[in-house]
């Protein structure tokens, strides 16, 4: 999806992704490797002269590939609340979901 946005808008896409752990984190194996509950992907791109950001939170389980990715969309600020990480520090951007959830530039208008 990110590659398609870069091609469609002819702009660079900045992506930060990683694991999400909580207090129920399970550890497996001899080395005690922590298993994340979910993974996040935060995406930043320029559109119409402004920076726009969106994030996705994907549970760590098999997913139906027919699912609409926007079912997993969350505000980028939620990534910070869940992980303590600011994916785009010092960057001022329009965050998806404040005005019209998951609208352009992220989603194409639905055909009537």
PDB file of N, CA and C in Angstrom:
ATOM      1  N   UNK A   1       0.828  -1.191   0.000  1.00  0.00           N
ATOM      2  CA  UNK A   1       0.000   0.000   0.000  1.00  0.00           C
ATOM      3  C   UNK A   1       0.872   1.255   0.000  1.00  0.00           C
ATOM      4  N   UNK A   2       1.928   1.256   0.809  1.00  0.00           N
ATOM      5  CA  UNK A   2       2.801   2.436   0.876  1.00  0.00           C
ATOM      6  C   UNK A   2       3.473   2.701  -0.468  1.00  0.00           C
ATOM      7  N   UNK A   3       3.908   1.654  -1.130  1.00  0.00           N
ATOM      8  CA  UNK A   3       4.528   1.796  -2.444  1.00  0.00           C
ATOM      9  C   UNK A   3       3.536   2.402  -3.442  1.00  0.00           C
ATOM     10  N   UNK A   4       2.283   1.985  -3.365  1.00  0.00           N
ATOM     11  CA  UNK A   4       1.249   2.521  -4.258  1.00  0.00           C
ATOM     12  C   UNK A   4       1.029   4.011  -3.996  1.00  0.00           C
ATOM     13  N   UNK A   5       1.029   4.428  -2.716  1.00  0.00           N
ATOM     14  CA  UNK A   5       0.878   5.854  -2.408  1.00  0.00           C
ATOM     15  C   UNK A   5       2.049   6.653  -2.972  1.00  0.00           C
ATOM     16  N   UNK A   6       3.250   6.138  -2.835  1.00  0.00           N
ATOM     17  CA  UNK A   6       4.426   6.848  -3.355  1.00  0.00           C
ATOM     18  C   UNK A   6       4.317   7.019  -4.866  1.00  0.00           C
ATOM     19  N   UNK A   7       3.884   5.967  -5.563  1.00  0.00           N
ATOM     20  CA  UNK A   7       3.725   6.056  -7.016  1.00  0.00           C
ATOM     21  C   UNK A   7       2.595   7.003  -7.388  1.00  0.00           C
ATOM     22  N   UNK A   8       1.460   6.887  -6.705  1.00  0.00           N
ATOM     23  CA  UNK A   8       0.293   7.703  -7.041  1.00  0.00           C
ATOM     24  C   UNK A   8       0.573   9.185  -6.867  1.00  0.00           C
ATOM     25  N   UNK A   9       1.247   9.545  -5.779  1.00  0.00           N
ATOM     26  CA  UNK A   9       1.452  10.955  -5.478  1.00  0.00           C
ATOM     27  C   UNK A   9       2.836  11.465  -5.871  1.00  0.00           C
ATOM     28  N   UNK A  10       3.713  10.577  -6.349  1.00  0.00           N
ATOM     29  CA  UNK A  10       5.037  10.990  -6.791  1.00  0.00           C
ATOM     30  C   UNK A  10       5.841  11.656  -5.686  1.00  0.00           C
ATOM     31  N   UNK A  11       5.759  11.118  -4.496  1.00  0.00           N
ATOM     32  CA  UNK A  11       6.421  11.729  -3.348  1.00  0.00           C
ATOM     33  C   UNK A  11       7.115  10.656  -2.517  1.00  0.00           C
ATOM     34  N   UNK A  12       8.023  11.115  -1.671  1.00  0.00           N
ATOM     35  CA  UNK A  12       8.687  10.189  -0.748  1.00  0.00           C
ATOM     36  C   UNK A  12       7.711   9.805   0.363  1.00  0.00           C
ATOM     37  N   UNK A  13       7.817   8.580   0.798  1.00  0.00           N
ATOM     38  CA  UNK A  13       7.029   8.063   1.906  1.00  0.00           C
ATOM     39  C   UNK A  13       8.015   7.697   3.013  1.00  0.00           C
ATOM     40  N   UNK A  14       7.762   8.188   4.219  1.00  0.00           N
ATOM     41  CA  UNK A  14       8.613   7.864   5.369  1.00  0.00           C
ATOM     42  C   UNK A  14       7.845   6.893   6.247  1.00  0.00           C
ATOM     43  N   UNK A  15       8.490   5.779   6.595  1.00  0.00           N
ATOM     44  CA  UNK A  15       7.818   4.722   7.336  1.00  0.00           C
ATOM     45  C   UNK A  15       8.626   4.359   8.578  1.00  0.00           C
ATOM     46  N   UNK A  16       7.935   4.275   9.700  1.00  0.00           N
ATOM     47  CA  UNK A  16       8.527   3.791  10.942  1.00  0.00           C
ATOM     48  C   UNK A  16       7.641   2.642  11.408  1.00  0.00           C
ATOM     49  N   UNK A  17       8.241   1.491  11.693  1.00  0.00           N
ATOM     50  CA  UNK A  17       7.432   0.366  12.143  1.00  0.00           C
ATOM     51  C   UNK A  17       8.147  -0.378  13.260  1.00  0.00           C
ATOM     52  N   UNK A  18       7.365  -1.115  14.028  1.00  0.00           N
ATOM     53  CA  UNK A  18       7.951  -1.852  15.133  1.00  0.00           C
ATOM     54  C   UNK A  18       6.923  -2.624  15.930  1.00  0.00           C
ATOM     55  N   UNK A  19       7.388  -3.273  17.002  1.00  0.00           N
ATOM     56  CA  UNK A  19       6.508  -4.099  17.829  1.00  0.00           C
ATOM     57  C   UNK A  19       5.772  -3.279  18.882  1.00  0.00           C
ATOM     58  N   UNK A  20       4.666  -3.842  19.360  1.00  0.00           N
ATOM     59  CA  UNK A  20       3.912  -3.266  20.474  1.00  0.00           C
ATOM     60  C   UNK A  20       3.826  -4.349  21.555  1.00  0.00           C
ATOM     61  N   UNK A  21       4.352  -4.023  22.724  1.00  0.00           N
ATOM     62  CA  UNK A  21       4.318  -4.939  23.866  1.00  0.00           C
ATOM     63  C   UNK A  21       3.404  -4.365  24.941  1.00  0.00           C
ATOM     64  N   UNK A  22       2.859  -5.228  25.790  1.00  0.00           N
ATOM     65  CA  UNK A  22       2.148  -4.743  26.965  1.00  0.00           C
ATOM     66  C   UNK A  22       2.563  -5.592  28.162  1.00  0.00           C
ATOM     67  N   UNK A  23       1.892  -5.410  29.286  1.00  0.00           N
ATOM     68  CA  UNK A  23       2.299  -6.116  30.511  1.00  0.00           C
ATOM     69  C   UNK A  23       2.005  -7.611  30.470  1.00  0.00           C
ATOM     70  N   UNK A  24       1.328  -8.081  29.415  1.00  0.00           N
ATOM     71  CA  UNK A  24       1.055  -9.515  29.278  1.00  0.00           C
ATOM     72  C   UNK A  24       2.030 -10.189  28.325  1.00  0.00           C
ATOM     73  N   UNK A  25       3.138  -9.553  28.020  1.00  0.00           N
ATOM     74  CA  UNK A  25       4.077 -10.072  27.033  1.00  0.00           C
ATOM     75  C   UNK A  25       4.567 -11.467  27.400  1.00  0.00           C
ATOM     76  N   UNK A  26       4.439 -12.372  26.461  1.00  0.00           N
ATOM     77  CA  UNK A  26       4.903 -13.749  26.620  1.00  0.00           C
ATOM     78  C   UNK A  26       6.328 -13.839  26.085  1.00  0.00           C
ATOM     79  N   UNK A  27       7.154 -14.611  26.753  1.00  0.00           N
ATOM     80  CA  UNK A  27       8.518 -14.853  26.292  1.00  0.00           C
ATOM     81  C   UNK A  27       8.633 -16.321  25.914  1.00  0.00           C
ATOM     82  N   UNK A  28       9.336 -16.578  24.816  1.00  0.00           N
ATOM     83  CA  UNK A  28       9.462 -17.948  24.329  1.00  0.00           C
ATOM     84  C   UNK A  28      10.921 -18.312  24.097  1.00  0.00           C
ATOM     85  N   UNK A  29      11.199 -19.596  24.060  1.00  0.00           N
ATOM     86  CA  UNK A  29      12.525 -20.096  23.742  1.00  0.00           C
ATOM     87  C   UNK A  29      13.499 -19.989  24.894  1.00  0.00           C
ATOM     88  N   UNK A  30      14.655 -20.601  24.691  1.00  0.00           N
ATOM     89  CA  UNK A  30      15.698 -20.588  25.718  1.00  0.00           C
ATOM     90  C   UNK A  30      16.180 -19.177  26.025  1.00  0.00           C
ATOM     91  N   UNK A  31      16.177 -18.325  25.013  1.00  0.00           N
ATOM     92  CA  UNK A  31      16.650 -16.950  25.211  1.00  0.00           C
ATOM     93  C   UNK A  31      15.600 -16.009  25.757  1.00  0.00           C
ATOM     94  N   UNK A  32      14.389 -16.495  25.938  1.00  0.00           N
ATOM     95  CA  UNK A  32      13.326 -15.645  26.482  1.00  0.00           C
ATOM     96  C   UNK A  32      12.960 -14.492  25.561  1.00  0.00           C
ATOM     97  N   UNK A  33      12.763 -14.793  24.279  1.00  0.00           N
ATOM     98  CA  UNK A  33      12.421 -13.770  23.296  1.00  0.00           C
ATOM     99  C   UNK A  33      10.987 -13.298  23.529  1.00  0.00           C
ATOM    100  N   UNK A  34      10.812 -11.980  23.675  1.00  0.00           N
ATOM    101  CA  UNK A  34       9.486 -11.401  23.899  1.00  0.00           C
ATOM    102  C   UNK A  34       8.663 -11.449  22.615  1.00  0.00           C
ATOM    103  N   UNK A  35       7.402 -11.839  22.739  1.00  0.00           N
ATOM    104  CA  UNK A  35       6.489 -11.912  21.597  1.00  0.00           C
ATOM    105  C   UNK A  35       5.546 -10.706  21.664  1.00  0.00           C
ATOM    106  N   UNK A  36       5.606  -9.824  20.661  1.00  0.00           N
ATOM    107  CA  UNK A  36       4.737  -8.643  20.693  1.00  0.00           C
ATOM    108  C   UNK A  36       3.261  -9.000  20.492  1.00  0.00           C
ATOM    109  N   UNK A  37       2.378  -8.214  21.097  1.00  0.00           N
ATOM    110  CA  UNK A  37       0.947  -8.394  20.908  1.00  0.00           C
ATOM    111  C   UNK A  37       0.514  -7.885  19.538  1.00  0.00           C
ATOM    112  N   UNK A  38       1.249  -6.904  19.025  1.00  0.00           N
ATOM    113  CA  UNK A  38       0.883  -6.273  17.754  1.00  0.00           C
ATOM    114  C   UNK A  38       2.119  -5.623  17.150  1.00  0.00           C
ATOM    115  N   UNK A  39       1.928  -5.107  15.935  1.00  0.00           N
ATOM    116  CA  UNK A  39       2.962  -4.342  15.249  1.00  0.00           C
ATOM    117  C   UNK A  39       2.329  -3.054  14.745  1.00  0.00           C
ATOM    118  N   UNK A  40       3.120  -1.974  14.716  1.00  0.00           N
ATOM    119  CA  UNK A  40       2.609  -0.717  14.181  1.00  0.00           C
ATOM    120  C   UNK A  40       3.400  -0.334  12.940  1.00  0.00           C
ATOM    121  N   UNK A  41       2.761   0.433  12.093  1.00  0.00           N
ATOM    122  CA  UNK A  41       3.433   1.065  10.960  1.00  0.00           C
ATOM    123  C   UNK A  41       2.911   2.483  10.891  1.00  0.00           C
ATOM    124  N   UNK A  42       3.805   3.456  11.002  1.00  0.00           N
ATOM    125  CA  UNK A  42       3.448   4.870  10.885  1.00  0.00           C
ATOM    126  C   UNK A  42       3.990   5.375   9.551  1.00  0.00           C
ATOM    127  N   UNK A  43       3.159   6.112   8.824  1.00  0.00           N
ATOM    128  CA  UNK A  43       3.503   6.550   7.478  1.00  0.00           C
ATOM    129  C   UNK A  43       3.349   8.069   7.394  1.00  0.00           C
ATOM    130  N   UNK A  44       4.343   8.713   6.792  1.00  0.00           N
ATOM    131  CA  UNK A  44       4.339  10.170   6.621  1.00  0.00           C
ATOM    132  C   UNK A  44       4.625  10.477   5.164  1.00  0.00           C
ATOM    133  N   UNK A  45       3.824  11.369   4.577  1.00  0.00           N
ATOM    134  CA  UNK A  45       4.094  11.796   3.201  1.00  0.00           C
ATOM    135  C   UNK A  45       3.596  13.211   2.977  1.00  0.00           C
ATOM    136  N   UNK A  46       4.140  13.843   1.931  1.00  0.00           N
ATOM    137  CA  UNK A  46       3.699  15.182   1.563  1.00  0.00           C
ATOM    138  C   UNK A  46       2.583  15.063   0.530  1.00  0.00           C
ATOM    139  N   UNK A  47       1.546  15.868   0.715  1.00  0.00           N
ATOM    140  CA  UNK A  47       0.414  15.891  -0.210  1.00  0.00           C
ATOM    141  C   UNK A  47      -0.139  17.302  -0.213  1.00  0.00           C
ATOM    142  N   UNK A  48      -0.255  17.892  -1.400  1.00  0.00           N
ATOM    143  CA  UNK A  48      -0.762  19.253  -1.563  1.00  0.00           C
ATOM    144  C   UNK A  48      -0.036  20.239  -0.657  1.00  0.00           C
ATOM    145  N   UNK A  49       1.292  20.103  -0.582  1.00  0.00           N
ATOM    146  CA  UNK A  49       2.120  21.050   0.161  1.00  0.00           C
ATOM    147  C   UNK A  49       2.126  20.874   1.670  1.00  0.00           C
ATOM    148  N   UNK A  50       1.455  19.853   2.171  1.00  0.00           N
ATOM    149  CA  UNK A  50       1.441  19.609   3.618  1.00  0.00           C
ATOM    150  C   UNK A  50       1.871  18.178   3.891  1.00  0.00           C
ATOM    151  N   UNK A  51       2.377  17.953   5.086  1.00  0.00           N
ATOM    152  CA  UNK A  51       2.729  16.598   5.504  1.00  0.00           C
ATOM    153  C   UNK A  51       1.511  15.937   6.131  1.00  0.00           C
ATOM    154  N   UNK A  52       1.297  14.679   5.773  1.00  0.00           N
ATOM    155  CA  UNK A  52       0.169  13.905   6.292  1.00  0.00           C
ATOM    156  C   UNK A  52       0.701  12.621   6.901  1.00  0.00           C
ATOM    157  N   UNK A  53       0.116  12.213   8.009  1.00  0.00           N
ATOM    158  CA  UNK A  53       0.556  10.986   8.679  1.00  0.00           C
ATOM    159  C   UNK A  53      -0.637  10.112   9.031  1.00  0.00           C
ATOM    160  N   UNK A  54      -0.386   8.818   9.015  1.00  0.00           N
ATOM    161  CA  UNK A  54      -1.374   7.826   9.398  1.00  0.00           C
ATOM    162  C   UNK A  54      -0.609   6.649   9.996  1.00  0.00           C
ATOM    163  N   UNK A  55      -1.266   5.883  10.822  1.00  0.00           N
ATOM    164  CA  UNK A  55      -0.621   4.703  11.402  1.00  0.00           C
ATOM    165  C   UNK A  55      -1.590   3.530  11.352  1.00  0.00           C
ATOM    166  N   UNK A  56      -1.018   2.343  11.446  1.00  0.00           N
ATOM    167  CA  UNK A  56      -1.795   1.113  11.448  1.00  0.00           C
ATOM    168  C   UNK A  56      -1.305   0.243  12.595  1.00  0.00           C
ATOM    169  N   UNK A  57      -2.231  -0.417  13.264  1.00  0.00           N
ATOM    170  CA  UNK A  57      -1.911  -1.331  14.350  1.00  0.00           C
ATOM    171  C   UNK A  57      -2.439  -2.707  13.954  1.00  0.00           C
ATOM    172  N   UNK A  58      -1.509  -3.631  13.713  1.00  0.00           N
ATOM    173  CA  UNK A  58      -1.867  -4.964  13.240  1.00  0.00           C
ATOM    174  C   UNK A  58      -1.632  -5.969  14.356  1.00  0.00           C
ATOM    175  N   UNK A  59      -2.649  -6.732  14.734  1.00  0.00           N
ATOM    176  CA  UNK A  59      -2.463  -7.748  15.777  1.00  0.00           C
ATOM    177  C   UNK A  59      -1.500  -8.836  15.301  1.00  0.00           C
ATOM    178  N   UNK A  60      -0.779  -9.414  16.232  1.00  0.00           N
ATOM    179  CA  UNK A  60       0.182 -10.466  15.916  1.00  0.00           C
ATOM    180  C   UNK A  60      -0.551 -11.806  15.851  1.00  0.00           C
ATOM    181  N   UNK A  61      -1.292 -11.979  14.763  1.00  0.00           N
ATOM    182  CA  UNK A  61      -2.030 -13.211  14.501  1.00  0.00           C
ATOM    183  C   UNK A  61      -2.303 -13.255  13.001  1.00  0.00           C
ATOM    184  N   UNK A  62      -2.653 -14.413  12.478  1.00  0.00           N
ATOM    185  CA  UNK A  62      -2.981 -14.483  11.046  1.00  0.00           C
ATOM    186  C   UNK A  62      -4.160 -13.562  10.728  1.00  0.00           C
ATOM    187  N   UNK A  63      -4.059 -12.855   9.618  1.00  0.00           N
ATOM    188  CA  UNK A  63      -5.114 -11.932   9.203  1.00  0.00           C
ATOM    189  C   UNK A  63      -5.675 -12.371   7.858  1.00  0.00           C
ATOM    190  N   UNK A  64      -6.908 -12.004   7.621  1.00  0.00           N
ATOM    191  CA  UNK A  64      -7.539 -12.268   6.328  1.00  0.00           C
ATOM    192  C   UNK A  64      -7.031 -11.211   5.356  1.00  0.00           C
ATOM    193  N   UNK A  65      -6.368 -11.624   4.301  1.00  0.00           N
ATOM    194  CA  UNK A  65      -5.785 -10.671   3.352  1.00  0.00           C
ATOM    195  C   UNK A  65      -6.849  -9.867   2.602  1.00  0.00           C
ATOM    196  N   UNK A  66      -8.089 -10.272   2.725  1.00  0.00           N
ATOM    197  CA  UNK A  66      -9.166  -9.506   2.096  1.00  0.00           C
ATOM    198  C   UNK A  66      -9.643  -8.364   2.983  1.00  0.00           C
ATOM    199  N   UNK A  67      -9.167  -8.298   4.228  1.00  0.00           N
ATOM    200  CA  UNK A  67      -9.566  -7.223   5.136  1.00  0.00           C
ATOM    201  C   UNK A  67      -9.155  -5.870   4.567  1.00  0.00           C
ATOM    202  N   UNK A  68      -9.955  -4.872   4.839  1.00  0.00           N
ATOM    203  CA  UNK A  68      -9.618  -3.497   4.473  1.00  0.00           C
ATOM    204  C   UNK A  68      -8.565  -3.013   5.464  1.00  0.00           C
ATOM    205  N   UNK A  69      -7.406  -2.614   4.968  1.00  0.00           N
ATOM    206  CA  UNK A  69      -6.312  -2.179   5.839  1.00  0.00           C
ATOM    207  C   UNK A  69      -6.751  -1.041   6.763  1.00  0.00           C
ATOM    208  N   UNK A  70      -7.732  -0.255   6.331  1.00  0.00           N
ATOM    209  CA  UNK A  70      -8.174   0.879   7.140  1.00  0.00           C
ATOM    210  C   UNK A  70      -8.949   0.450   8.381  1.00  0.00           C
ATOM    211  N   UNK A  71      -9.309  -0.832   8.476  1.00  0.00           N
ATOM    212  CA  UNK A  71      -9.885  -1.335   9.716  1.00  0.00           C
ATOM    213  C   UNK A  71      -8.837  -1.303  10.838  1.00  0.00           C
ATOM    214  N   UNK A  72      -7.563  -1.245  10.464  1.00  0.00           N
ATOM    215  CA  UNK A  72      -6.468  -1.247  11.423  1.00  0.00           C
ATOM    216  C   UNK A  72      -5.833   0.143  11.587  1.00  0.00           C
ATOM    217  N   UNK A  73      -6.404   1.160  10.944  1.00  0.00           N
ATOM    218  CA  UNK A  73      -5.851   2.513  11.013  1.00  0.00           C
ATOM    219  C   UNK A  73      -6.082   3.125  12.394  1.00  0.00           C
ATOM    220  N   UNK A  74      -5.059   3.808  12.877  1.00  0.00           N
ATOM    221  CA  UNK A  74      -5.125   4.509  14.159  1.00  0.00           C
ATOM    222  C   UNK A  74      -4.411   5.849  14.001  1.00  0.00           C
ATOM    223  N   UNK A  75      -4.684   6.818  14.867  1.00  0.00           N
ATOM    224  CA  UNK A  75      -3.908   8.056  14.833  1.00  0.00           C
ATOM    225  C   UNK A  75      -2.449   7.785  15.221  1.00  0.00           C
ATOM    226  N   UNK A  76      -1.533   8.536  14.645  1.00  0.00           N
ATOM    227  CA  UNK A  76      -0.112   8.374  14.964  1.00  0.00           C
ATOM    228  C   UNK A  76       0.134   8.612  16.451  1.00  0.00           C
ATOM    229  N   UNK A  77      -0.633   9.497  17.057  1.00  0.00           N
ATOM    230  CA  UNK A  77      -0.462   9.748  18.489  1.00  0.00           C
ATOM    231  C   UNK A  77      -0.723   8.492  19.324  1.00  0.00           C
ATOM    232  N   UNK A  78      -1.534   7.573  18.807  1.00  0.00           N
ATOM    233  CA  UNK A  78      -1.783   6.311  19.511  1.00  0.00           C
ATOM    234  C   UNK A  78      -0.514   5.461  19.537  1.00  0.00           C
ATOM    235  N   UNK A  79       0.302   5.527  18.494  1.00  0.00           N
ATOM    236  CA  UNK A  79       1.575   4.799  18.486  1.00  0.00           C
ATOM    237  C   UNK A  79       2.420   5.269  19.665  1.00  0.00           C
ATOM    238  N   UNK A  80       2.456   6.569  19.881  1.00  0.00           N
ATOM    239  CA  UNK A  80       3.236   7.129  20.993  1.00  0.00           C
ATOM    240  C   UNK A  80       2.681   6.642  22.325  1.00  0.00           C
ATOM    241  N   UNK A  81       1.351   6.624  22.467  1.00  0.00           N
ATOM    242  CA  UNK A  81       0.746   6.152  23.724  1.00  0.00           C
ATOM    243  C   UNK A  81       1.041   4.683  23.975  1.00  0.00           C
ATOM    244  N   UNK A  82       1.036   3.874  22.922  1.00  0.00           N
ATOM    245  CA  UNK A  82       1.240   2.435  23.076  1.00  0.00           C
ATOM    246  C   UNK A  82       2.699   2.044  23.276  1.00  0.00           C
ATOM    247  N   UNK A  83       3.612   2.805  22.670  1.00  0.00           N
ATOM    248  CA  UNK A  83       5.022   2.395  22.655  1.00  0.00           C
ATOM    249  C   UNK A  83       5.973   3.367  23.342  1.00  0.00           C
ATOM    250  N   UNK A  84       5.533   4.608  23.552  1.00  0.00           N
ATOM    251  CA  UNK A  84       6.430   5.630  24.080  1.00  0.00           C
ATOM    252  C   UNK A  84       7.337   6.218  23.009  1.00  0.00           C
ATOM    253  N   UNK A  85       7.158   5.799  21.758  1.00  0.00           N
ATOM    254  CA  UNK A  85       7.972   6.246  20.635  1.00  0.00           C
ATOM    255  C   UNK A  85       7.213   7.289  19.828  1.00  0.00           C
ATOM    256  N   UNK A  86       7.854   8.410  19.533  1.00  0.00           N
ATOM    257  CA  UNK A  86       7.285   9.398  18.622  1.00  0.00           C
ATOM    258  C   UNK A  86       7.860   9.090  17.243  1.00  0.00           C
ATOM    259  N   UNK A  87       7.059   8.539  16.335  1.00  0.00           N
ATOM    260  CA  UNK A  87       7.598   8.112  15.048  1.00  0.00           C
ATOM    261  C   UNK A  87       8.206   9.239  14.213  1.00  0.00           C
ATOM    262  N   UNK A  88       7.704  10.448  14.362  1.00  0.00           N
ATOM    263  CA  UNK A  88       8.182  11.570  13.555  1.00  0.00           C
ATOM    264  C   UNK A  88       8.469  12.771  14.452  1.00  0.00           C
ATOM    265  N   UNK A  89       9.491  12.686  15.301  1.00  0.00           N
ATOM    266  CA  UNK A  89       9.768  13.770  16.255  1.00  0.00           C
ATOM    267  C   UNK A  89      10.121  15.082  15.555  1.00  0.00           C
ATOM    268  N   UNK A  90       9.546  16.161  16.067  1.00  0.00           N
ATOM    269  CA  UNK A  90       9.843  17.488  15.542  1.00  0.00           C
ATOM    270  C   UNK A  90       9.176  17.807  14.216  1.00  0.00           C
ATOM    271  N   UNK A  91       8.340  16.912  13.718  1.00  0.00           N
ATOM    272  CA  UNK A  91       7.672  17.122  12.437  1.00  0.00           C
ATOM    273  C   UNK A  91       6.224  17.525  12.700  1.00  0.00           C
ATOM    274  N   UNK A  92       5.780  18.562  12.030  1.00  0.00           N
ATOM    275  CA  UNK A  92       4.397  19.004  12.150  1.00  0.00           C
ATOM    276  C   UNK A  92       3.624  18.460  10.958  1.00  0.00           C
ATOM    277  N   UNK A  93       2.567  17.712  11.213  1.00  0.00           N
ATOM    278  CA  UNK A  93       1.827  17.079  10.135  1.00  0.00           C
ATOM    279  C   UNK A  93       0.341  17.087  10.427  1.00  0.00           C
ATOM    280  N   UNK A  94      -0.423  16.916   9.351  1.00  0.00           N
ATOM    281  CA  UNK A  94      -1.865  16.725   9.460  1.00  0.00           C
ATOM    282  C   UNK A  94      -2.059  15.253   9.777  1.00  0.00           C
ATOM    283  N   UNK A  95      -2.792  14.974  10.848  1.00  0.00           N
ATOM    284  CA  UNK A  95      -2.964  13.579  11.228  1.00  0.00           C
ATOM    285  C   UNK A  95      -4.298  13.052  10.737  1.00  0.00           C
ATOM    286  N   UNK A  96      -4.260  11.913  10.090  1.00  0.00           N
ATOM    287  CA  UNK A  96      -5.493  11.284   9.608  1.00  0.00           C
ATOM    288  C   UNK A  96      -6.433  11.068  10.782  1.00  0.00           C
ATOM    289  N   UNK A  97      -7.711  11.314  10.529  1.00  0.00           N
ATOM    290  CA  UNK A  97      -8.706  11.049  11.548  1.00  0.00           C
ATOM    291  C   UNK A  97      -9.175  12.289  12.287  1.00  0.00           C
ATOM    292  N   UNK A  98      -8.454  13.410  12.169  1.00  0.00           N
ATOM    293  CA  UNK A  98      -8.879  14.610  12.891  1.00  0.00           C
ATOM    294  C   UNK A  98     -10.039  15.295  12.178  1.00  0.00           C
ATOM    295  N   UNK A  99      -9.943  15.441  10.864  1.00  0.00           N
ATOM    296  CA  UNK A  99     -11.000  16.122  10.131  1.00  0.00           C
ATOM    297  C   UNK A  99     -11.970  15.107   9.525  1.00  0.00           C
ATOM    298  N   UNK A 100     -11.469  14.277   8.674  1.00  0.00           N
ATOM    299  CA  UNK A 100     -12.305  13.260   8.035  1.00  0.00           C
ATOM    300  C   UNK A 100     -11.528  11.948   8.070  1.00  0.00           C
ATOM    301  N   UNK A 101     -11.929  11.026   8.890  1.00  0.00           N
ATOM    302  CA  UNK A 101     -11.132   9.810   9.091  1.00  0.00           C
ATOM    303  C   UNK A 101     -10.732   9.101   7.804  1.00  0.00           C
ATOM    304  N   UNK A 102      -9.437   8.902   7.687  1.00  0.00           N
ATOM    305  CA  UNK A 102      -8.813   8.103   6.639  1.00  0.00           C
ATOM    306  C   UNK A 102      -9.151   8.557   5.227  1.00  0.00           C
ATOM    307  N   UNK A 103      -9.417   9.848   5.040  1.00  0.00           N
ATOM    308  CA  UNK A 103      -9.706  10.372   3.707  1.00  0.00           C
ATOM    309  C   UNK A 103      -8.436  10.586   2.901  1.00  0.00           C
ATOM    310  N   UNK A 104      -8.619  11.166   1.736  1.00  0.00           N
ATOM    311  CA  UNK A 104      -7.500  11.518   0.868  1.00  0.00           C
ATOM    312  C   UNK A 104      -6.503  12.271   1.718  1.00  0.00           C
ATOM    313  N   UNK A 105      -5.221  11.985   1.616  1.00  0.00           N
ATOM    314  CA  UNK A 105      -4.611  11.247   0.519  1.00  0.00           C
ATOM    315  C   UNK A 105      -4.570   9.742   0.712  1.00  0.00           C
ATOM    316  N   UNK A 106      -5.101   9.245   1.794  1.00  0.00           N
ATOM    317  CA  UNK A 106      -4.922   7.826   2.090  1.00  0.00           C
ATOM    318  C   UNK A 106      -5.853   6.915   1.322  1.00  0.00           C
ATOM    319  N   UNK A 107      -7.098   7.290   1.181  1.00  0.00           N
ATOM    320  CA  UNK A 107      -8.067   6.423   0.518  1.00  0.00           C
ATOM    321  C   UNK A 107      -8.558   7.048  -0.757  1.00  0.00           C
ATOM    322  N   UNK A 108      -8.778   6.212  -1.744  1.00  0.00           N
ATOM    323  CA  UNK A 108      -9.407   6.688  -2.963  1.00  0.00           C
ATOM    324  C   UNK A 108     -10.902   6.827  -2.694  1.00  0.00           C
ATOM    325  N   UNK A 109     -11.559   7.814  -3.302  1.00  0.00           N
ATOM    326  CA  UNK A 109     -13.010   7.907  -3.124  1.00  0.00           C
ATOM    327  C   UNK A 109     -13.679   6.643  -3.658  1.00  0.00           C
ATOM    328  N   UNK A 110     -14.739   6.215  -2.977  1.00  0.00           N
ATOM    329  CA  UNK A 110     -15.473   5.024  -3.431  1.00  0.00           C
ATOM    330  C   UNK A 110     -16.271   5.363  -4.673  1.00  0.00           C
ATOM    331  N   UNK A 111     -16.275   4.417  -5.611  1.00  0.00           N
ATOM    332  CA  UNK A 111     -17.049   4.605  -6.845  1.00  0.00           C
ATOM    333  C   UNK A 111     -18.516   4.406  -6.541  1.00  0.00           C
ATOM    334  N   UNK A 112     -19.350   5.223  -7.181  1.00  0.00           N
ATOM    335  CA  UNK A 112     -20.804   5.124  -6.972  1.00  0.00           C
ATOM    336  C   UNK A 112     -21.422   4.233  -8.005  1.00  0.00           C
TER     337      UNK A 112
END
